[in-house]
Amino acid sequence: MLTDFGRKARAYRLRHDMLLYDMALIMRLGTAQLSGYECGREEPPADVVAALDTLIRVENNPSVPELTEEQRGALLEFWRITKHG
């Protein structure tokens, strides 16, 4: 059963025509780990939930240009470093 996180993550992936593997790379997660979060087998930690929210916020902000997958990954990495030391 999809969780709220799972619905958001899957919707984001489908909008960007990404495989689970692609999204896992961007979020610096393993594919099995992301699948577990999406399907509700595991509870995603707060930083993973916040990272997905960051991707969605950037996507929904018209003043932010379209980002490449590499840029999204860099954005998430920057966010993790600045928020979590």
Protein backbone atom coordinates (compact mmCIF):
# COMPACT_ATOMS: atom_id res chain seq x y z
CA MET A 1 0.00 0.00 0.00
CA LEU A 2 1.37 3.39 -0.98
CA THR A 3 1.99 5.87 1.80
CA ASP A 4 1.64 9.64 1.44
CA PHE A 5 5.38 9.76 0.82
CA GLY A 6 5.04 6.94 -1.71
CA ARG A 7 2.28 8.70 -3.63
CA LYS A 8 4.30 11.92 -3.80
CA ALA A 9 7.52 10.16 -4.79
CA ARG A 10 5.86 8.03 -7.45
CA ALA A 11 3.96 11.01 -8.88
CA TYR A 12 7.18 13.01 -9.06
CA ARG A 13 8.98 10.14 -10.79
CA LEU A 14 6.21 9.69 -13.34
CA ARG A 15 6.00 13.43 -14.11
CA HIS A 16 9.72 13.35 -14.91
CA ASP A 17 9.65 9.99 -16.68
CA MET A 18 12.10 8.51 -14.17
CA LEU A 19 12.61 4.95 -13.10
CA LEU A 20 12.85 4.10 -9.41
CA TYR A 21 16.59 3.69 -10.01
CA ASP A 22 16.87 7.27 -11.32
CA MET A 23 15.03 8.75 -8.35
CA ALA A 24 17.09 6.70 -5.92
CA LEU A 25 20.29 8.05 -7.48
CA ILE A 26 19.06 11.63 -7.19
CA MET A 27 18.08 11.12 -3.56
CA ARG A 28 21.29 9.20 -2.76
CA LEU A 29 19.33 6.09 -1.74
CA GLY A 30 19.37 2.46 -2.78
CA THR A 31 16.55 1.33 -5.07
CA ALA A 32 15.31 -1.25 -2.55
CA GLN A 33 15.34 1.40 0.16
CA LEU A 34 13.32 3.89 -1.91
CA SER A 35 10.93 1.12 -2.95
CA GLY A 36 10.44 0.24 0.71
CA TYR A 37 9.64 3.85 1.53
CA GLU A 38 7.23 4.17 -1.41
CA CYS A 39 5.38 0.95 -0.63
CA GLY A 40 5.22 1.55 3.11
CA ARG A 41 7.45 -1.37 4.11
CA GLU A 42 9.80 1.12 5.77
CA GLU A 43 9.24 4.55 7.28
CA PRO A 44 11.34 7.19 5.47
CA PRO A 45 13.51 9.28 7.79
CA ALA A 46 12.71 12.97 8.14
CA ASP A 47 15.61 14.05 5.91
CA VAL A 48 14.36 11.89 3.03
CA VAL A 49 10.83 13.28 3.39
CA ALA A 50 12.25 16.81 3.48
CA ALA A 51 14.42 16.11 0.42
CA LEU A 52 11.37 15.01 -1.57
CA ASP A 53 9.48 18.09 -0.38
CA THR A 54 12.42 20.22 -1.57
CA LEU A 55 12.30 18.64 -5.02
CA ILE A 56 8.56 19.25 -5.24
CA ARG A 57 8.87 22.85 -4.00
CA VAL A 58 11.56 23.59 -6.60
CA GLU A 59 9.46 21.94 -9.30
CA ASN A 60 6.39 24.01 -8.37
CA ASN A 61 8.26 27.33 -8.22
CA PRO A 62 7.97 29.02 -11.63
CA SER A 63 10.93 31.29 -10.88
CA VAL A 64 13.26 28.27 -10.71
CA PRO A 65 14.44 27.03 -14.11
CA GLU A 66 14.09 23.36 -15.06
CA LEU A 67 16.85 21.38 -13.38
CA THR A 68 18.78 18.47 -14.81
CA GLU A 69 19.00 15.27 -12.81
CA GLU A 70 22.58 16.19 -11.88
CA GLN A 71 21.48 19.62 -10.67
CA ARG A 72 18.67 18.07 -8.60
CA GLY A 73 21.18 15.72 -7.01
CA ALA A 74 23.51 18.61 -6.24
CA LEU A 75 20.62 20.60 -4.76
CA LEU A 76 19.67 17.71 -2.49
CA GLU A 77 23.29 17.15 -1.46
CA PHE A 78 23.66 20.84 -0.66
CA TRP A 79 20.41 20.76 1.31
CA ARG A 80 21.57 17.76 3.35
CA ILE A 81 24.96 19.30 4.11
CA THR A 82 23.55 22.68 5.16
CA LYS A 83 20.64 21.26 7.18
CA HIS A 84 22.36 18.29 8.76
CA GLY A 85 26.01 19.32 9.05
